[in-house]
Amino acid sequence: MAKGHRSQIKRERNAQKDTRPSAKISYARVSVQKACFVLDAIRGKDVQTALGILAYNPRYASSVIEKLLKSAIANAENNNGMNIENLYIEECYANKGPTMKRIRPRAQGRAYRIEKRMSHITIVLNER
């Protein structure tokens, strides 16, 4: 059982909250493995370099992550009042989402399962 009044508990919980600007996309139609190839390329880079890498990366996941990065930059600028030139990608990761199961007909009346995987992608920025 938590100690203290409800407002005190809420105040303590909000004090521990992460204030770094971030953006998250849930249920992105790209597998975790494919998203991680792109995320590994931009992790730790400054924002302008990361946008350049994503613009010329041929993978499908790069277009999804580019949109997400632009959202995180807008959050940093509007909500936290940070300067865009000083921002860099502190954390970026992809977690496993639900999998859609589909059936593919095969020879002799058999059926193979096709798994269409989804992921939850998160980008966290910080200022240098």
N, C-alpha and C. Protein backbone atom coordinates (compact mmCIF):
# COMPACT_ATOMS: atom_id res chain seq x y z
N MET A 1 0.84 -1.18 0.00
CA MET A 1 0.00 0.00 0.00
C MET A 1 0.88 1.25 0.00
N ALA A 2 0.58 2.18 -0.85
CA ALA A 2 1.36 3.41 -0.95
C ALA A 2 1.07 4.32 0.23
N LYS A 3 2.10 5.04 0.67
CA LYS A 3 1.95 5.93 1.80
C LYS A 3 1.63 7.34 1.30
N GLY A 4 0.87 8.08 2.11
CA GLY A 4 0.58 9.46 1.80
C GLY A 4 -0.75 9.65 1.11
N HIS A 5 -1.07 10.89 0.92
CA HIS A 5 -2.31 11.27 0.25
C HIS A 5 -2.19 11.03 -1.25
N ARG A 6 -3.33 10.88 -1.91
CA ARG A 6 -3.34 10.60 -3.35
C ARG A 6 -2.60 11.68 -4.15
N SER A 7 -2.80 12.96 -3.77
CA SER A 7 -2.12 14.04 -4.49
C SER A 7 -0.61 13.98 -4.30
N GLN A 8 -0.16 13.55 -3.11
CA GLN A 8 1.27 13.42 -2.85
C GLN A 8 1.86 12.29 -3.69
N ILE A 9 1.11 11.19 -3.81
CA ILE A 9 1.58 10.06 -4.62
C ILE A 9 1.71 10.48 -6.08
N LYS A 10 0.72 11.22 -6.58
CA LYS A 10 0.76 11.69 -7.96
C LYS A 10 1.93 12.65 -8.18
N ARG A 11 2.17 13.53 -7.21
CA ARG A 11 3.27 14.48 -7.32
C ARG A 11 4.61 13.76 -7.40
N GLU A 12 4.79 12.73 -6.59
CA GLU A 12 6.03 11.95 -6.61
C GLU A 12 6.19 11.19 -7.92
N ARG A 13 5.08 10.65 -8.43
CA ARG A 13 5.13 9.91 -9.69
C ARG A 13 5.49 10.84 -10.85
N ASN A 14 4.94 12.06 -10.86
CA ASN A 14 5.22 13.01 -11.94
C ASN A 14 6.63 13.57 -11.83
N ALA A 15 7.21 13.59 -10.64
CA ALA A 15 8.57 14.08 -10.48
C ALA A 15 9.58 13.12 -11.12
N GLN A 16 9.23 11.83 -11.19
CA GLN A 16 10.12 10.84 -11.77
C GLN A 16 9.95 10.73 -13.28
N LYS A 17 9.01 11.48 -13.85
CA LYS A 17 8.68 11.36 -15.26
C LYS A 17 9.83 11.86 -16.13
N ASP A 18 10.04 11.18 -17.26
CA ASP A 18 11.10 11.54 -18.20
C ASP A 18 10.69 12.79 -18.97
N THR A 19 11.54 13.82 -18.96
CA THR A 19 11.20 15.08 -19.62
C THR A 19 11.85 15.23 -20.99
N ARG A 20 12.59 14.22 -21.42
CA ARG A 20 13.22 14.31 -22.74
C ARG A 20 12.16 14.22 -23.83
N PRO A 21 12.34 14.99 -24.92
CA PRO A 21 11.35 14.92 -26.01
C PRO A 21 11.44 13.59 -26.74
N SER A 22 10.27 13.04 -27.06
CA SER A 22 10.26 11.74 -27.73
C SER A 22 9.05 11.64 -28.63
N ALA A 23 9.05 10.61 -29.46
CA ALA A 23 7.90 10.29 -30.30
C ALA A 23 7.84 8.77 -30.42
N LYS A 24 6.62 8.26 -30.51
CA LYS A 24 6.43 6.82 -30.58
C LYS A 24 5.37 6.50 -31.62
N ILE A 25 5.64 5.47 -32.40
CA ILE A 25 4.63 4.97 -33.33
C ILE A 25 4.31 3.53 -32.92
N SER A 26 3.03 3.28 -32.76
CA SER A 26 2.58 1.94 -32.41
C SER A 26 2.00 1.25 -33.63
N TYR A 27 2.15 -0.04 -33.68
CA TYR A 27 1.59 -0.87 -34.76
C TYR A 27 2.12 -0.47 -36.13
N ALA A 28 3.40 -0.17 -36.24
CA ALA A 28 4.00 0.10 -37.55
C ALA A 28 4.12 -1.21 -38.31
N ARG A 29 3.71 -1.22 -39.56
CA ARG A 29 3.70 -2.45 -40.35
C ARG A 29 5.08 -2.75 -40.92
N VAL A 30 6.03 -2.91 -40.03
CA VAL A 30 7.40 -3.30 -40.39
C VAL A 30 7.91 -4.16 -39.24
N SER A 31 8.67 -5.20 -39.55
CA SER A 31 9.14 -6.08 -38.49
C SER A 31 10.24 -5.39 -37.68
N VAL A 32 10.46 -5.89 -36.47
CA VAL A 32 11.46 -5.31 -35.58
C VAL A 32 12.85 -5.41 -36.19
N GLN A 33 13.15 -6.55 -36.80
CA GLN A 33 14.48 -6.75 -37.38
C GLN A 33 14.76 -5.73 -38.47
N LYS A 34 13.78 -5.49 -39.34
CA LYS A 34 13.97 -4.56 -40.44
C LYS A 34 14.05 -3.11 -39.94
N ALA A 35 13.29 -2.80 -38.90
CA ALA A 35 13.35 -1.45 -38.34
C ALA A 35 14.69 -1.20 -37.65
N CYS A 36 15.24 -2.24 -37.02
CA CYS A 36 16.50 -2.08 -36.28
C CYS A 36 17.69 -1.82 -37.21
N PHE A 37 17.63 -2.30 -38.45
CA PHE A 37 18.69 -1.99 -39.41
C PHE A 37 18.80 -0.48 -39.60
N VAL A 38 17.68 0.19 -39.72
CA VAL A 38 17.65 1.63 -39.94
C VAL A 38 17.97 2.37 -38.64
N LEU A 39 17.42 1.90 -37.52
CA LEU A 39 17.65 2.58 -36.23
C LEU A 39 19.11 2.53 -35.82
N ASP A 40 19.79 1.41 -36.12
CA ASP A 40 21.22 1.30 -35.79
C ASP A 40 22.05 2.32 -36.56
N ALA A 41 21.59 2.69 -37.76
CA ALA A 41 22.34 3.64 -38.59
C ALA A 41 22.26 5.07 -38.05
N ILE A 42 21.18 5.41 -37.33
CA ILE A 42 21.01 6.79 -36.88
C ILE A 42 21.23 6.99 -35.39
N ARG A 43 21.39 5.93 -34.63
CA ARG A 43 21.53 6.05 -33.17
C ARG A 43 22.77 6.86 -32.81
N GLY A 44 22.59 7.87 -31.95
CA GLY A 44 23.70 8.70 -31.49
C GLY A 44 24.07 9.85 -32.40
N LYS A 45 23.49 9.91 -33.59
CA LYS A 45 23.81 10.98 -34.55
C LYS A 45 23.01 12.24 -34.21
N ASP A 46 23.49 13.38 -34.71
CA ASP A 46 22.69 14.59 -34.55
C ASP A 46 21.54 14.55 -35.55
N VAL A 47 20.54 15.39 -35.31
CA VAL A 47 19.27 15.29 -36.02
C VAL A 47 19.42 15.54 -37.52
N GLN A 48 20.21 16.52 -37.90
CA GLN A 48 20.35 16.85 -39.32
C GLN A 48 21.02 15.70 -40.09
N THR A 49 22.04 15.09 -39.49
CA THR A 49 22.71 13.95 -40.12
C THR A 49 21.75 12.77 -40.24
N ALA A 50 20.97 12.53 -39.20
CA ALA A 50 20.02 11.41 -39.21
C ALA A 50 18.96 11.59 -40.29
N LEU A 51 18.46 12.82 -40.45
CA LEU A 51 17.48 13.08 -41.51
C LEU A 51 18.07 12.85 -42.89
N GLY A 52 19.35 13.20 -43.07
CA GLY A 52 20.03 12.94 -44.35
C GLY A 52 20.19 11.45 -44.62
N ILE A 53 20.54 10.70 -43.59
CA ILE A 53 20.68 9.24 -43.73
C ILE A 53 19.34 8.61 -44.10
N LEU A 54 18.28 9.04 -43.43
CA LEU A 54 16.96 8.46 -43.67
C LEU A 54 16.41 8.83 -45.04
N ALA A 55 16.75 10.02 -45.53
CA ALA A 55 16.22 10.46 -46.82
C ALA A 55 16.77 9.61 -47.96
N TYR A 56 18.00 9.12 -47.83
CA TYR A 56 18.62 8.37 -48.92
C TYR A 56 18.75 6.88 -48.63
N ASN A 57 18.09 6.40 -47.60
CA ASN A 57 18.10 4.97 -47.29
C ASN A 57 16.98 4.30 -48.09
N PRO A 58 17.27 3.25 -48.85
CA PRO A 58 16.24 2.65 -49.71
C PRO A 58 15.21 1.78 -48.99
N ARG A 59 15.40 1.49 -47.72
CA ARG A 59 14.48 0.61 -47.01
C ARG A 59 13.14 1.29 -46.72
N TYR A 60 12.08 0.47 -46.66
CA TYR A 60 10.75 1.00 -46.36
C TYR A 60 10.68 1.60 -44.96
N ALA A 61 11.37 0.96 -44.01
CA ALA A 61 11.32 1.41 -42.62
C ALA A 61 11.87 2.82 -42.46
N SER A 62 12.78 3.23 -43.35
CA SER A 62 13.39 4.55 -43.22
C SER A 62 12.37 5.66 -43.43
N SER A 63 11.38 5.45 -44.31
CA SER A 63 10.36 6.48 -44.50
C SER A 63 9.46 6.61 -43.27
N VAL A 64 9.16 5.49 -42.62
CA VAL A 64 8.36 5.51 -41.40
C VAL A 64 9.13 6.20 -40.28
N ILE A 65 10.41 5.87 -40.14
CA ILE A 65 11.23 6.42 -39.06
C ILE A 65 11.54 7.89 -39.31
N GLU A 66 11.66 8.30 -40.58
CA GLU A 66 11.89 9.71 -40.89
C GLU A 66 10.70 10.56 -40.42
N LYS A 67 9.49 10.07 -40.67
CA LYS A 67 8.29 10.77 -40.22
C LYS A 67 8.25 10.86 -38.70
N LEU A 68 8.65 9.79 -38.04
CA LEU A 68 8.67 9.74 -36.58
C LEU A 68 9.71 10.70 -36.01
N LEU A 69 10.88 10.77 -36.65
CA LEU A 69 11.94 11.67 -36.20
C LEU A 69 11.51 13.13 -36.34
N LYS A 70 10.84 13.47 -37.43
CA LYS A 70 10.34 14.84 -37.61
C LYS A 70 9.32 15.19 -36.53
N SER A 71 8.51 14.22 -36.13
CA SER A 71 7.55 14.43 -35.05
C SER A 71 8.27 14.69 -33.72
N ALA A 72 9.32 13.92 -33.46
CA ALA A 72 10.09 14.10 -32.22
C ALA A 72 10.77 15.47 -32.20
N ILE A 73 11.26 15.92 -33.36
CA ILE A 73 11.89 17.24 -33.45
C ILE A 73 10.86 18.33 -33.16
N ALA A 74 9.66 18.19 -33.72
CA ALA A 74 8.60 19.17 -33.48
C ALA A 74 8.20 19.18 -32.01
N ASN A 75 8.17 18.02 -31.37
CA ASN A 75 7.86 17.95 -29.94
C ASN A 75 8.92 18.68 -29.13
N ALA A 76 10.19 18.49 -29.49
CA ALA A 76 11.29 19.13 -28.76
C ALA A 76 11.22 20.64 -28.90
N GLU A 77 10.88 21.10 -30.10
CA GLU A 77 10.85 22.53 -30.37
C GLU A 77 9.65 23.21 -29.72
N ASN A 78 8.46 22.61 -29.87
CA ASN A 78 7.24 23.25 -29.40
C ASN A 78 6.95 23.01 -27.92
N ASN A 79 7.15 21.79 -27.45
CA ASN A 79 6.80 21.48 -26.06
C ASN A 79 7.91 21.81 -25.08
N ASN A 80 9.17 21.60 -25.48
CA ASN A 80 10.29 21.78 -24.56
C ASN A 80 11.10 23.04 -24.85
N GLY A 81 10.85 23.71 -25.98
CA GLY A 81 11.58 24.93 -26.32
C GLY A 81 13.05 24.71 -26.60
N MET A 82 13.41 23.57 -27.15
CA MET A 82 14.81 23.25 -27.43
C MET A 82 15.22 23.77 -28.80
N ASN A 83 16.52 23.96 -28.98
CA ASN A 83 17.08 24.42 -30.25
C ASN A 83 17.36 23.21 -31.13
N ILE A 84 16.92 23.26 -32.40
CA ILE A 84 17.04 22.11 -33.30
C ILE A 84 18.50 21.77 -33.59
N GLU A 85 19.36 22.79 -33.66
CA GLU A 85 20.77 22.55 -34.02
C GLU A 85 21.50 21.72 -32.97
N ASN A 86 21.03 21.76 -31.71
CA ASN A 86 21.73 21.06 -30.62
C ASN A 86 21.17 19.67 -30.34
N LEU A 87 20.14 19.26 -31.05
CA LEU A 87 19.49 17.98 -30.76
C LEU A 87 20.25 16.80 -31.35
N TYR A 88 20.22 15.69 -30.64
CA TYR A 88 20.76 14.43 -31.16
C TYR A 88 19.88 13.28 -30.68
N ILE A 89 20.02 12.13 -31.32
CA ILE A 89 19.19 10.97 -30.99
C ILE A 89 19.87 10.21 -29.87
N GLU A 90 19.26 10.30 -28.68
CA GLU A 90 19.85 9.63 -27.52
C GLU A 90 19.46 8.16 -27.48
N GLU A 91 18.21 7.87 -27.72
CA GLU A 91 17.73 6.48 -27.73
C GLU A 91 16.82 6.29 -28.93
N CYS A 92 16.90 5.12 -29.52
CA CYS A 92 15.91 4.72 -30.53
C CYS A 92 15.86 3.19 -30.52
N TYR A 93 14.65 2.68 -30.41
CA TYR A 93 14.50 1.23 -30.33
C TYR A 93 13.15 0.83 -30.90
N ALA A 94 13.06 -0.45 -31.25
CA ALA A 94 11.82 -1.03 -31.77
C ALA A 94 11.45 -2.23 -30.91
N ASN A 95 10.22 -2.23 -30.44
CA ASN A 95 9.70 -3.36 -29.67
C ASN A 95 8.71 -4.14 -30.51
N LYS A 96 8.56 -5.41 -30.17
CA LYS A 96 7.68 -6.29 -30.92
C LYS A 96 6.22 -5.93 -30.67
N GLY A 97 5.46 -5.87 -31.75
CA GLY A 97 4.02 -5.64 -31.66
C GLY A 97 3.28 -6.93 -31.96
N PRO A 98 1.97 -6.85 -32.14
CA PRO A 98 1.21 -8.05 -32.48
C PRO A 98 1.50 -8.53 -33.89
N THR A 99 1.21 -9.78 -34.15
CA THR A 99 1.45 -10.38 -35.45
C THR A 99 0.12 -10.77 -36.09
N MET A 100 -0.08 -10.34 -37.34
CA MET A 100 -1.28 -10.77 -38.08
C MET A 100 -0.98 -12.11 -38.73
N LYS A 101 -1.87 -13.06 -38.55
CA LYS A 101 -1.68 -14.38 -39.14
C LYS A 101 -2.54 -14.50 -40.40
N ARG A 102 -1.93 -14.91 -41.48
CA ARG A 102 -2.63 -15.10 -42.75
C ARG A 102 -2.32 -16.50 -43.27
N ILE A 103 -3.20 -17.02 -44.09
CA ILE A 103 -3.05 -18.38 -44.61
C ILE A 103 -2.75 -18.31 -46.10
N ARG A 104 -1.76 -19.10 -46.53
CA ARG A 104 -1.37 -19.19 -47.94
C ARG A 104 -1.64 -20.62 -48.41
N PRO A 105 -2.47 -20.79 -49.43
CA PRO A 105 -2.71 -22.14 -49.92
C PRO A 105 -1.47 -22.73 -50.60
N ARG A 106 -1.22 -24.00 -50.34
CA ARG A 106 -0.07 -24.68 -50.91
C ARG A 106 -0.53 -25.96 -51.61
N ALA A 107 0.41 -26.71 -52.12
CA ALA A 107 0.09 -27.91 -52.90
C ALA A 107 -0.59 -28.97 -52.05
N GLN A 108 -1.42 -29.78 -52.69
CA GLN A 108 -2.11 -30.92 -52.09
C GLN A 108 -3.00 -30.52 -50.91
N GLY A 109 -3.62 -29.36 -51.02
CA GLY A 109 -4.58 -28.93 -50.01
C GLY A 109 -3.99 -28.46 -48.70
N ARG A 110 -2.68 -28.31 -48.63
CA ARG A 110 -2.07 -27.84 -47.40
C ARG A 110 -2.19 -26.31 -47.31
N ALA A 111 -1.95 -25.80 -46.13
CA ALA A 111 -1.98 -24.35 -45.91
C ALA A 111 -0.74 -23.95 -45.11
N TYR A 112 -0.04 -22.94 -45.59
CA TYR A 112 1.11 -22.39 -44.87
C TYR A 112 0.68 -21.09 -44.21
N ARG A 113 1.21 -20.85 -43.03
CA ARG A 113 0.90 -19.61 -42.32
C ARG A 113 1.91 -18.53 -42.72
N ILE A 114 1.37 -17.34 -42.99
CA ILE A 114 2.21 -16.15 -43.23
C ILE A 114 2.01 -15.23 -42.04
N GLU A 115 3.10 -14.80 -41.44
CA GLU A 115 3.03 -13.91 -40.28
C GLU A 115 3.45 -12.51 -40.69
N LYS A 116 2.53 -11.58 -40.59
CA LYS A 116 2.81 -10.18 -40.91
C LYS A 116 3.07 -9.46 -39.59
N ARG A 117 4.33 -9.18 -39.36
CA ARG A 117 4.74 -8.66 -38.06
C ARG A 117 4.61 -7.14 -37.97
N MET A 118 4.38 -6.67 -36.75
CA MET A 118 4.28 -5.24 -36.48
C MET A 118 5.27 -4.89 -35.37
N SER A 119 5.55 -3.59 -35.25
CA SER A 119 6.47 -3.15 -34.21
C SER A 119 6.03 -1.81 -33.65
N HIS A 120 6.52 -1.52 -32.45
CA HIS A 120 6.32 -0.23 -31.79
C HIS A 120 7.70 0.45 -31.77
N ILE A 121 7.84 1.57 -32.49
CA ILE A 121 9.14 2.24 -32.63
C ILE A 121 9.13 3.52 -31.79
N THR A 122 10.22 3.74 -31.04
CA THR A 122 10.35 4.91 -30.17
C THR A 122 11.65 5.62 -30.45
N ILE A 123 11.60 6.96 -30.50
CA ILE A 123 12.79 7.80 -30.66
C ILE A 123 12.80 8.80 -29.53
N VAL A 124 13.93 8.89 -28.80
CA VAL A 124 14.09 9.85 -27.71
C VAL A 124 15.26 10.77 -28.06
N LEU A 125 15.02 12.07 -28.01
CA LEU A 125 16.05 13.06 -28.34
C LEU A 125 16.59 13.69 -27.06
N ASN A 126 17.72 14.37 -27.20
CA ASN A 126 18.27 15.16 -26.10
C ASN A 126 19.12 16.27 -26.69
N GLU A 127 19.49 17.23 -25.84
CA GLU A 127 20.27 18.38 -26.28
C GLU A 127 21.72 18.22 -25.88
N ARG A 128 22.62 18.60 -26.77
CA ARG A 128 24.06 18.55 -26.45
C ARG A 128 24.46 19.78 -25.69
